[in-house]
Amino acid sequence: MKRLTANWGLKLASLIFAIIVWFLVTNINDPITSVRYTNIPVTLMNTSLITDQGQVYTILDGSDTINTVTLYAPRSIIDSLSQNNIVATADLQELSSLNTVGITVTTNKYRDKIETIVSSSDVVKLSVERKASKSLALKATTSGSLTDGYVIGDVATDQNMVRISGPESVVNRIASAAVDVDVTGFTSNIGTDADIKLLDADGNEVDGSLVSMNIKTVRVNVVIYETKYVPITYVVNGEAANGYMYTGQIESTPDSILVAGRSNTIASINEIKVEDEAIDVTGLTSNLTYTYDISDFLPSGVSLGDKEFSGSVSIVAHVEPIATQTFDVSVSNVQVEGSIEGFTVTIDDTEYETVSLTLQGLKAAINSVDPDNITGKVNVNDLITGNDLDSLKAGNYSADVEWDLPDGVKTKGTVSVYVKVEEN
């Protein structure tokens, strides 16, 4: 017993020294150190306390992410932790009147070994307001430029409506929903999934993360047509007033149009033929003017290729007075057409060398007539019927001449010549 109590002061000093040594050794081998983690997400708890009341919340200023969290713990503990061990929560049961919620930061490992946790932010800031919903028509557009010779046809989406819900102030700002497809360089139809964008009344995009949408992407089908220019041709109806005629000249503005369609359809289109009852010169003594919509005359599967062209076309069909002039034409210019075995048929010019031929037509056409170049013919078969014969017989006959005339000129009345028929 005396041995245990002997030199107790020295023994106590030794114990204290041992404790100090242990403490020093411990801290030298496993010192307290720190580690910093960045961008730690905060998990919100009991959010139903807001949503069950028909309200929604929006996190302000990105406050649900902590910029930095610093842990202080022994090195051995620090070395065993990673960012995934940091747990940050904010319980909405503790929502303040200022719509802030305190953040609790801890670890899911070695919690009791952590000396200190320092967070760069301590609250999540919220905006809480009534929930609103509405449906929007979905509009599809295109951007970019197609290869030359091609145009955009139909642009359609698989769905034409999108329903959104979220904070009332945000939902009320949203005026429309749209998708856009870049068509640059395409020459064939496009089918693609496009993200839906929400736009305000000025066409500016609204952050879609602020609301929920029943769909976020939609299938868009873009039809691409080939194009080419084709002329417009016309059918003019009726006859002008007595003493007047349609000149055959029709001015069309424009006189050709750009049409669009599938390649195999466009390949067979060489003109747009307009047959309109309103293009009628009956009884007119002056030009006909008329405006119509060319779209009404496009073949099936063909559309206008210029989106800036309305389809309105104006025409002027020219009507002018008829000019009349009589020409002396040599009988030698008239020939016999056809033959009958056993007979020789010739034009008899012994009575007169020329015949008077009265022509009528437009002044310009009449002025271009050269009587020396006018030719005619007498058909042998017409000779028989015209003279009430059962069959051709020798003799002298009169026969009407069928004249070969320039365009825009016609005869006024008939001209006859003598024909001699001789048996061989």
Protein backbone atom coordinates (compact mmCIF):
# COMPACT_ATOMS: atom_id res chain seq x y z
CA MET A 1 0.00 0.00 0.00
CA LYS A 2 2.81 2.35 0.83
CA ARG A 3 4.35 1.55 -2.51
CA LEU A 4 1.19 2.71 -4.32
CA THR A 5 1.01 6.00 -2.45
CA ALA A 6 4.70 6.65 -2.39
CA ASN A 7 5.88 9.43 -4.68
CA TRP A 8 2.29 10.17 -5.66
CA GLY A 9 3.25 13.61 -6.91
CA LEU A 10 5.75 12.16 -9.30
CA LYS A 11 3.22 9.62 -10.48
CA LEU A 12 0.57 12.28 -11.06
CA ALA A 13 3.01 14.34 -13.04
CA SER A 14 3.85 11.29 -15.13
CA LEU A 15 0.15 10.69 -15.83
CA ILE A 16 -0.38 14.28 -16.91
CA PHE A 17 2.72 14.11 -19.08
CA ALA A 18 1.45 10.89 -20.68
CA ILE A 19 -1.90 12.49 -21.48
CA ILE A 20 -0.17 15.48 -23.05
CA VAL A 21 2.08 13.23 -25.09
CA TRP A 22 -0.96 11.17 -26.25
CA PHE A 23 -2.78 14.35 -27.25
CA LEU A 24 0.22 15.67 -29.15
CA VAL A 25 0.83 12.37 -30.91
CA THR A 26 -2.82 12.07 -31.83
CA ASN A 27 -2.96 15.57 -33.33
CA ILE A 28 0.30 15.17 -35.15
CA ASN A 29 -0.76 11.89 -36.76
CA ASP A 30 -4.46 12.82 -37.40
CA PRO A 31 -4.74 16.61 -37.25
CA ILE A 32 -7.93 18.62 -37.68
CA THR A 33 -8.18 19.82 -41.28
CA SER A 34 -10.82 21.17 -43.68
CA VAL A 35 -12.25 20.52 -47.11
CA ARG A 36 -14.44 22.73 -49.29
CA TYR A 37 -17.21 21.50 -51.58
CA THR A 38 -19.06 23.64 -54.10
CA ASN A 39 -22.55 23.75 -55.62
CA ILE A 40 -24.31 21.66 -53.01
CA PRO A 41 -28.01 21.13 -53.87
CA VAL A 42 -30.63 21.72 -51.19
CA THR A 43 -33.51 19.25 -50.94
CA LEU A 44 -36.87 20.81 -50.06
CA MET A 45 -38.99 18.81 -47.67
CA ASN A 46 -42.78 18.85 -47.07
CA THR A 47 -43.48 20.77 -50.29
CA SER A 48 -47.04 19.44 -50.17
CA LEU A 49 -47.78 22.01 -47.47
CA ILE A 50 -47.81 24.55 -50.33
CA THR A 51 -49.07 22.53 -53.28
CA ASP A 52 -52.01 21.03 -51.35
CA GLN A 53 -53.35 24.57 -50.93
CA GLY A 54 -53.52 25.18 -54.70
CA GLN A 55 -50.35 27.21 -54.62
CA VAL A 56 -46.97 26.86 -56.27
CA TYR A 57 -43.53 28.00 -55.28
CA THR A 58 -40.59 29.29 -57.27
CA ILE A 59 -37.06 29.19 -55.90
CA LEU A 60 -35.48 32.62 -56.15
CA ASP A 61 -31.93 33.55 -57.01
CA GLY A 62 -30.80 29.92 -57.27
CA SER A 63 -30.92 29.77 -53.47
CA ASP A 64 -31.52 26.01 -53.51
CA THR A 65 -27.85 25.59 -54.33
CA ILE A 66 -25.17 26.36 -51.75
CA ASN A 67 -22.09 27.87 -53.34
CA THR A 68 -19.62 26.42 -50.81
CA VAL A 69 -19.74 24.10 -47.79
CA THR A 70 -16.59 23.71 -45.67
CA LEU A 71 -16.10 20.73 -43.33
CA TYR A 72 -13.66 20.69 -40.39
CA ALA A 73 -12.72 17.23 -39.09
CA PRO A 74 -9.73 14.97 -38.49
CA ARG A 75 -7.79 14.22 -41.60
CA SER A 76 -8.74 10.54 -41.50
CA ILE A 77 -12.42 11.52 -41.54
CA ILE A 78 -11.97 14.14 -44.24
CA ASP A 79 -10.19 11.60 -46.42
CA SER A 80 -13.17 9.25 -46.11
CA LEU A 81 -15.76 11.81 -47.26
CA SER A 82 -16.83 13.11 -50.67
CA GLN A 83 -19.31 15.67 -51.92
CA ASN A 84 -21.96 12.95 -52.10
CA ASN A 85 -21.83 12.70 -48.31
CA ILE A 86 -22.99 16.30 -47.87
CA VAL A 87 -26.72 16.51 -47.11
CA ALA A 88 -28.49 19.89 -47.29
CA THR A 89 -32.22 20.15 -46.55
CA ALA A 90 -34.83 22.85 -46.06
CA ASP A 91 -38.11 21.93 -44.37
CA LEU A 92 -41.10 23.98 -45.59
CA GLN A 93 -42.76 23.45 -42.22
CA GLU A 94 -40.39 26.21 -41.13
CA LEU A 95 -41.39 28.64 -43.89
CA SER A 96 -41.13 32.17 -42.58
CA SER A 97 -43.42 35.11 -43.23
CA LEU A 98 -40.77 36.34 -45.65
CA ASN A 99 -41.02 33.06 -47.58
CA THR A 100 -37.57 31.88 -46.53
CA VAL A 101 -36.62 28.46 -45.17
CA GLY A 102 -33.53 27.73 -43.10
CA ILE A 103 -31.00 25.27 -44.53
CA THR A 104 -29.65 22.40 -42.45
CA VAL A 105 -26.32 20.99 -43.59
CA THR A 106 -24.97 17.72 -42.28
CA THR A 107 -23.30 14.52 -43.51
CA ASN A 108 -24.64 11.04 -43.96
CA LYS A 109 -21.38 9.55 -42.73
CA TYR A 110 -19.20 10.15 -39.63
CA ARG A 111 -21.64 12.79 -38.50
CA ASP A 112 -20.40 12.61 -34.91
CA LYS A 113 -16.79 13.00 -36.02
CA ILE A 114 -17.33 16.35 -37.78
CA GLU A 115 -16.20 19.28 -35.69
CA THR A 116 -17.69 22.14 -37.73
CA ILE A 117 -19.67 22.69 -40.95
CA VAL A 118 -19.60 26.18 -42.46
CA SER A 119 -22.13 26.99 -45.24
CA SER A 120 -21.97 30.04 -47.54
CA SER A 121 -25.76 30.41 -47.37
CA ASP A 122 -28.29 29.49 -44.75
CA VAL A 123 -31.74 30.05 -46.30
CA VAL A 124 -33.72 29.14 -49.42
CA LYS A 125 -35.76 32.06 -50.74
CA LEU A 126 -39.13 31.29 -52.32
CA SER A 127 -41.88 33.06 -54.18
CA VAL A 128 -45.25 31.56 -53.29
CA GLU A 129 -48.38 32.35 -55.28
CA ARG A 130 -51.57 30.87 -56.68
CA LYS A 131 -51.34 28.14 -59.29
CA ALA A 132 -52.74 28.87 -62.78
CA SER A 133 -53.21 26.74 -65.89
CA LYS A 134 -54.11 27.30 -69.52
CA SER A 135 -53.95 25.65 -72.94
CA LEU A 136 -52.09 27.17 -75.87
CA ALA A 137 -52.31 26.52 -79.59
CA LEU A 138 -48.98 25.21 -80.87
CA LYS A 139 -47.53 27.06 -83.85
CA ALA A 140 -44.81 25.56 -86.03
CA THR A 141 -42.31 27.74 -87.91
CA THR A 142 -39.14 27.23 -89.90
CA SER A 143 -35.85 29.11 -90.01
CA GLY A 144 -32.82 29.06 -92.26
CA SER A 145 -32.67 28.86 -96.06
CA LEU A 146 -33.44 25.95 -98.35
CA THR A 147 -31.33 25.03 -101.34
CA ASP A 148 -32.22 27.11 -104.42
CA GLY A 149 -35.18 25.69 -106.33
CA TYR A 150 -37.05 24.46 -103.26
CA VAL A 151 -39.68 26.00 -100.97
CA ILE A 152 -41.43 25.12 -97.75
CA GLY A 153 -44.80 23.43 -98.18
CA ASP A 154 -46.93 22.33 -95.23
CA VAL A 155 -45.51 22.53 -91.71
CA ALA A 156 -47.48 20.39 -89.26
CA THR A 157 -47.10 19.04 -85.73
CA ASP A 158 -48.33 15.73 -84.33
CA GLN A 159 -50.08 17.67 -81.57
CA ASN A 160 -51.54 21.14 -81.88
CA MET A 161 -52.07 22.08 -78.21
CA VAL A 162 -49.90 22.29 -75.11
CA ARG A 163 -51.16 22.73 -71.54
CA ILE A 164 -49.09 24.68 -69.04
CA SER A 165 -49.42 25.28 -65.31
CA GLY A 166 -47.39 27.20 -62.77
CA PRO A 167 -47.22 30.49 -60.88
CA GLU A 168 -50.09 32.74 -61.89
CA SER A 169 -47.80 35.68 -62.69
CA VAL A 170 -45.71 33.54 -65.05
CA VAL A 171 -48.62 31.76 -66.73
CA ASN A 172 -50.32 35.09 -67.40
CA ARG A 173 -47.18 36.33 -69.17
CA ILE A 174 -47.19 33.44 -71.64
CA ALA A 175 -49.16 34.27 -74.78
CA SER A 176 -48.23 31.49 -77.21
CA ALA A 177 -46.28 28.28 -77.75
CA ALA A 178 -44.12 27.55 -80.78
CA VAL A 179 -41.63 25.13 -82.27
CA ASP A 180 -39.05 25.95 -84.91
CA VAL A 181 -37.19 23.74 -87.39
CA ASP A 182 -33.98 24.79 -89.15
CA VAL A 183 -34.35 23.84 -92.83
CA THR A 184 -30.97 25.08 -94.06
CA GLY A 185 -29.71 23.06 -97.01
CA PHE A 186 -32.58 20.54 -97.15
CA THR A 187 -34.07 19.31 -100.45
CA SER A 188 -36.46 16.66 -99.10
CA ASN A 189 -39.13 16.37 -96.42
CA ILE A 190 -38.10 16.74 -92.78
CA GLY A 191 -39.44 14.86 -89.76
CA THR A 192 -37.93 15.80 -86.41
CA ASP A 193 -38.67 16.28 -82.70
CA ALA A 194 -38.47 19.94 -81.66
CA ASP A 195 -38.46 21.61 -78.24
CA ILE A 196 -41.52 23.70 -77.43
CA LYS A 197 -40.81 27.35 -76.63
CA LEU A 198 -43.13 29.56 -74.60
CA LEU A 199 -43.43 33.17 -75.75
CA ASP A 200 -44.85 36.37 -74.30
CA ALA A 201 -47.03 38.84 -76.21
CA ASP A 202 -43.93 40.46 -77.75
CA GLY A 203 -42.55 37.16 -79.00
CA ASN A 204 -39.84 36.96 -76.34
CA GLU A 205 -39.11 33.53 -74.89
CA VAL A 206 -40.29 32.84 -71.34
CA ASP A 207 -38.22 30.50 -69.15
CA GLY A 208 -39.98 27.15 -69.49
CA SER A 209 -38.48 25.88 -66.23
CA LEU A 210 -40.84 28.19 -64.33
CA VAL A 211 -43.90 26.19 -65.41
CA SER A 212 -44.85 22.59 -66.02
CA MET A 213 -45.98 21.41 -69.47
CA ASN A 214 -47.87 18.30 -70.47
CA ILE A 215 -45.42 17.94 -73.38
CA LYS A 216 -42.00 19.50 -73.84
CA THR A 217 -41.22 18.30 -77.37
CA VAL A 218 -43.39 17.57 -80.39
CA ARG A 219 -42.91 15.85 -83.74
CA VAL A 220 -42.75 18.35 -86.60
CA ASN A 221 -43.15 17.35 -90.25
CA VAL A 222 -41.96 19.83 -92.89
CA VAL A 223 -42.90 19.24 -96.52
CA ILE A 224 -40.35 20.57 -99.02
CA TYR A 225 -41.45 21.21 -102.60
CA GLU A 226 -39.47 21.63 -105.80
CA THR A 227 -40.19 24.79 -107.82
CA LYS A 228 -40.05 26.02 -111.39
CA TYR A 229 -41.34 28.91 -113.49
CA VAL A 230 -44.07 28.15 -116.02
CA PRO A 231 -45.91 30.48 -118.47
CA ILE A 232 -49.61 31.31 -118.25
CA THR A 233 -51.69 30.63 -121.37
CA TYR A 234 -55.29 31.67 -122.04
CA VAL A 235 -58.41 30.56 -123.85
CA VAL A 236 -60.32 33.64 -125.09
CA ASN A 237 -64.03 33.09 -125.66
CA GLY A 238 -66.50 34.73 -128.03
CA GLU A 239 -66.36 37.04 -131.07
CA ALA A 240 -65.92 40.78 -130.91
CA ALA A 241 -68.57 43.18 -132.25
CA ASN A 242 -69.21 43.37 -135.99
CA GLY A 243 -66.25 45.11 -137.59
CA TYR A 244 -63.93 44.23 -134.70
CA MET A 245 -61.86 41.23 -133.72
CA TYR A 246 -59.70 39.84 -130.95
CA THR A 247 -56.12 40.36 -132.05
CA GLY A 248 -54.77 37.23 -130.40
CA GLN A 249 -52.61 39.41 -128.20
CA ILE A 250 -53.18 39.11 -124.47
CA GLU A 251 -51.03 40.91 -121.92
CA SER A 252 -50.70 39.10 -118.61
CA THR A 253 -49.17 40.57 -115.46
CA PRO A 254 -47.36 38.44 -114.51
CA ASP A 255 -47.03 36.27 -117.62
CA SER A 256 -45.37 33.39 -115.74
CA ILE A 257 -45.45 32.17 -112.16
CA LEU A 258 -43.32 30.11 -109.81
CA VAL A 259 -45.13 26.88 -108.95
CA ALA A 260 -44.23 24.31 -106.31
CA GLY A 261 -44.97 20.64 -105.83
CA ARG A 262 -43.45 17.21 -105.58
CA SER A 263 -40.75 16.52 -108.16
CA ASN A 264 -42.78 14.02 -110.18
CA THR A 265 -45.75 16.41 -110.28
CA ILE A 266 -43.75 19.48 -111.25
CA ALA A 267 -41.97 17.63 -114.04
CA SER A 268 -45.21 17.32 -116.03
CA ILE A 269 -46.28 20.96 -115.63
CA ASN A 270 -45.19 23.09 -118.62
CA GLU A 271 -47.88 25.78 -118.50
CA ILE A 272 -50.84 26.99 -116.50
CA LYS A 273 -53.80 27.08 -118.87
CA VAL A 274 -56.54 29.52 -117.85
CA GLU A 275 -60.03 28.76 -119.14
CA ASP A 276 -62.30 31.32 -117.52
CA GLU A 277 -65.82 32.16 -118.77
CA ALA A 278 -65.17 35.79 -117.85
CA ILE A 279 -62.41 36.03 -120.48
CA ASP A 280 -64.98 36.69 -123.22
CA VAL A 281 -64.75 39.34 -125.95
CA THR A 282 -68.30 38.84 -127.25
CA GLY A 283 -69.66 42.11 -128.63
CA LEU A 284 -66.65 44.18 -127.56
CA THR A 285 -65.32 47.14 -129.52
CA SER A 286 -62.39 47.77 -127.17
CA ASN A 287 -59.90 45.83 -125.04
CA LEU A 288 -61.04 43.43 -122.33
CA THR A 289 -59.43 43.93 -118.90
CA TYR A 290 -59.85 41.35 -116.16
CA THR A 291 -58.24 40.32 -112.87
CA TYR A 292 -58.44 36.81 -111.42
CA ASP A 293 -56.78 34.48 -108.92
CA ILE A 294 -54.35 32.08 -110.61
CA SER A 295 -54.63 29.73 -107.62
CA ASP A 296 -58.05 28.66 -108.96
CA PHE A 297 -56.37 27.18 -112.04
CA LEU A 298 -53.45 25.30 -110.48
CA PRO A 299 -53.46 21.54 -111.05
CA SER A 300 -53.94 19.19 -108.12
CA GLY A 301 -50.79 18.86 -106.04
CA VAL A 302 -49.39 22.18 -107.27
CA SER A 303 -49.22 25.41 -105.28
CA LEU A 304 -47.73 28.87 -105.64
CA GLY A 305 -43.99 28.80 -105.05
CA ASP A 306 -43.61 32.43 -104.01
CA LYS A 307 -45.08 33.10 -100.56
CA GLU A 308 -45.05 36.84 -101.25
CA PHE A 309 -47.21 36.46 -104.38
CA SER A 310 -50.95 36.69 -103.64
CA GLY A 311 -52.00 34.92 -106.85
CA SER A 312 -53.68 37.97 -108.37
CA VAL A 313 -53.14 38.22 -112.15
CA SER A 314 -54.34 41.03 -114.45
CA ILE A 315 -54.85 40.63 -118.18
CA VAL A 316 -55.65 42.83 -121.20
CA ALA A 317 -57.12 41.07 -124.26
CA HIS A 318 -56.71 43.36 -127.27
CA VAL A 319 -59.68 44.05 -129.55
CA GLU A 320 -59.20 46.19 -132.68
CA PRO A 321 -61.25 47.25 -135.72
CA ILE A 322 -61.17 44.90 -138.70
CA ALA A 323 -59.45 46.24 -141.84
CA THR A 324 -60.65 45.18 -145.32
CA GLN A 325 -58.69 45.26 -148.58
CA THR A 326 -59.12 43.72 -152.04
CA PHE A 327 -56.15 42.18 -153.82
CA ASP A 328 -55.69 41.03 -157.41
CA VAL A 329 -54.35 37.49 -157.28
CA SER A 330 -53.00 35.70 -160.33
CA VAL A 331 -55.10 32.72 -161.41
CA SER A 332 -51.83 30.88 -161.91
CA ASN A 333 -51.47 30.85 -158.12
CA VAL A 334 -54.45 28.47 -157.91
CA GLN A 335 -53.69 24.76 -158.24
CA VAL A 336 -55.79 21.63 -158.59
CA GLU A 337 -55.71 19.23 -155.68
CA GLY A 338 -56.43 15.58 -156.28
CA SER A 339 -57.07 13.59 -159.45
CA ILE A 340 -59.54 11.14 -161.00
CA GLU A 341 -58.35 8.39 -163.33
CA GLY A 342 -59.19 9.07 -166.96
CA PHE A 343 -59.46 12.85 -166.64
CA THR A 344 -57.19 15.85 -166.72
CA VAL A 345 -58.30 18.79 -164.56
CA THR A 346 -56.73 22.24 -165.06
CA ILE A 347 -57.41 25.83 -164.06
CA ASP A 348 -58.72 27.79 -167.06
CA ASP A 349 -57.12 31.22 -167.22
CA THR A 350 -58.18 32.04 -170.75
CA GLU A 351 -61.08 34.22 -169.55
CA TYR A 352 -59.06 36.27 -167.04
CA GLU A 353 -55.58 36.21 -165.58
CA THR A 354 -56.42 37.49 -162.07
CA VAL A 355 -59.23 37.27 -159.57
CA SER A 356 -60.26 39.83 -156.95
CA LEU A 357 -59.76 38.52 -153.42
CA THR A 358 -61.14 40.59 -150.54
CA LEU A 359 -59.41 39.99 -147.24
CA GLN A 360 -60.19 41.21 -143.77
CA GLY A 361 -58.20 41.16 -140.57
CA LEU A 362 -56.17 43.39 -138.34
CA LYS A 363 -54.60 46.33 -140.05
CA ALA A 364 -51.07 45.13 -139.34
CA ALA A 365 -51.85 41.70 -140.79
CA ILE A 366 -53.55 43.14 -143.90
CA ASN A 367 -50.60 45.48 -144.51
CA SER A 368 -48.22 42.51 -144.49
CA VAL A 369 -50.09 40.63 -147.25
CA ASP A 370 -48.24 40.22 -150.57
CA PRO A 371 -50.72 39.13 -153.30
CA ASP A 372 -47.94 37.42 -155.21
CA ASN A 373 -47.49 35.03 -152.30
CA ILE A 374 -51.16 34.14 -151.93
CA THR A 375 -51.95 30.65 -153.16
CA GLY A 376 -55.15 28.66 -153.44
CA LYS A 377 -56.44 25.24 -154.43
CA VAL A 378 -59.47 23.61 -155.98
CA ASN A 379 -60.25 20.10 -154.81
CA VAL A 380 -61.45 17.71 -157.52
CA ASN A 381 -63.92 16.00 -155.22
CA ASP A 382 -65.36 19.38 -154.19
CA LEU A 383 -65.71 20.15 -157.93
CA ILE A 384 -68.06 17.18 -158.35
CA THR A 385 -70.24 17.98 -155.36
CA GLY A 386 -70.20 21.73 -156.01
CA ASN A 387 -71.58 21.24 -159.51
CA ASP A 388 -74.17 18.58 -158.57
CA LEU A 389 -72.43 15.85 -160.57
CA ASP A 390 -72.76 12.14 -159.93
CA SER A 391 -69.30 11.63 -161.36
CA LEU A 392 -66.72 13.70 -163.10
CA LYS A 393 -67.45 14.50 -166.72
CA ALA A 394 -65.56 16.48 -169.32
CA GLY A 395 -66.50 20.14 -169.56
CA ASN A 396 -65.97 23.61 -168.12
CA TYR A 397 -66.97 24.27 -164.54
CA SER A 398 -66.83 26.95 -161.84
CA ALA A 399 -65.20 26.06 -158.51
CA ASP A 400 -64.67 27.88 -155.23
CA VAL A 401 -61.05 28.42 -154.22
CA GLU A 402 -59.70 27.44 -150.83
CA TRP A 403 -57.03 30.06 -150.02
CA ASP A 404 -53.86 29.58 -148.04
CA LEU A 405 -53.66 32.84 -146.07
CA PRO A 406 -51.32 34.37 -143.49
CA ASP A 407 -52.26 34.21 -139.82
CA GLY A 408 -54.76 36.82 -138.72
CA VAL A 409 -56.29 37.19 -142.20
CA LYS A 410 -59.47 35.65 -143.61
CA THR A 411 -61.51 36.00 -146.79
CA LYS A 412 -64.63 38.07 -147.08
CA GLY A 413 -66.91 36.12 -149.34
CA THR A 414 -65.89 33.44 -151.84
CA VAL A 415 -63.86 33.56 -155.02
CA SER A 416 -64.41 31.16 -157.93
CA VAL A 417 -62.27 30.21 -160.91
CA TYR A 418 -63.01 28.29 -164.13
CA VAL A 419 -61.90 24.69 -164.32
CA LYS A 420 -61.52 22.65 -167.49
CA VAL A 421 -62.05 18.88 -167.31
CA GLU A 422 -60.84 16.79 -170.25
CA GLU A 423 -60.97 13.08 -170.83
CA ASN A 424 -57.61 11.45 -171.44
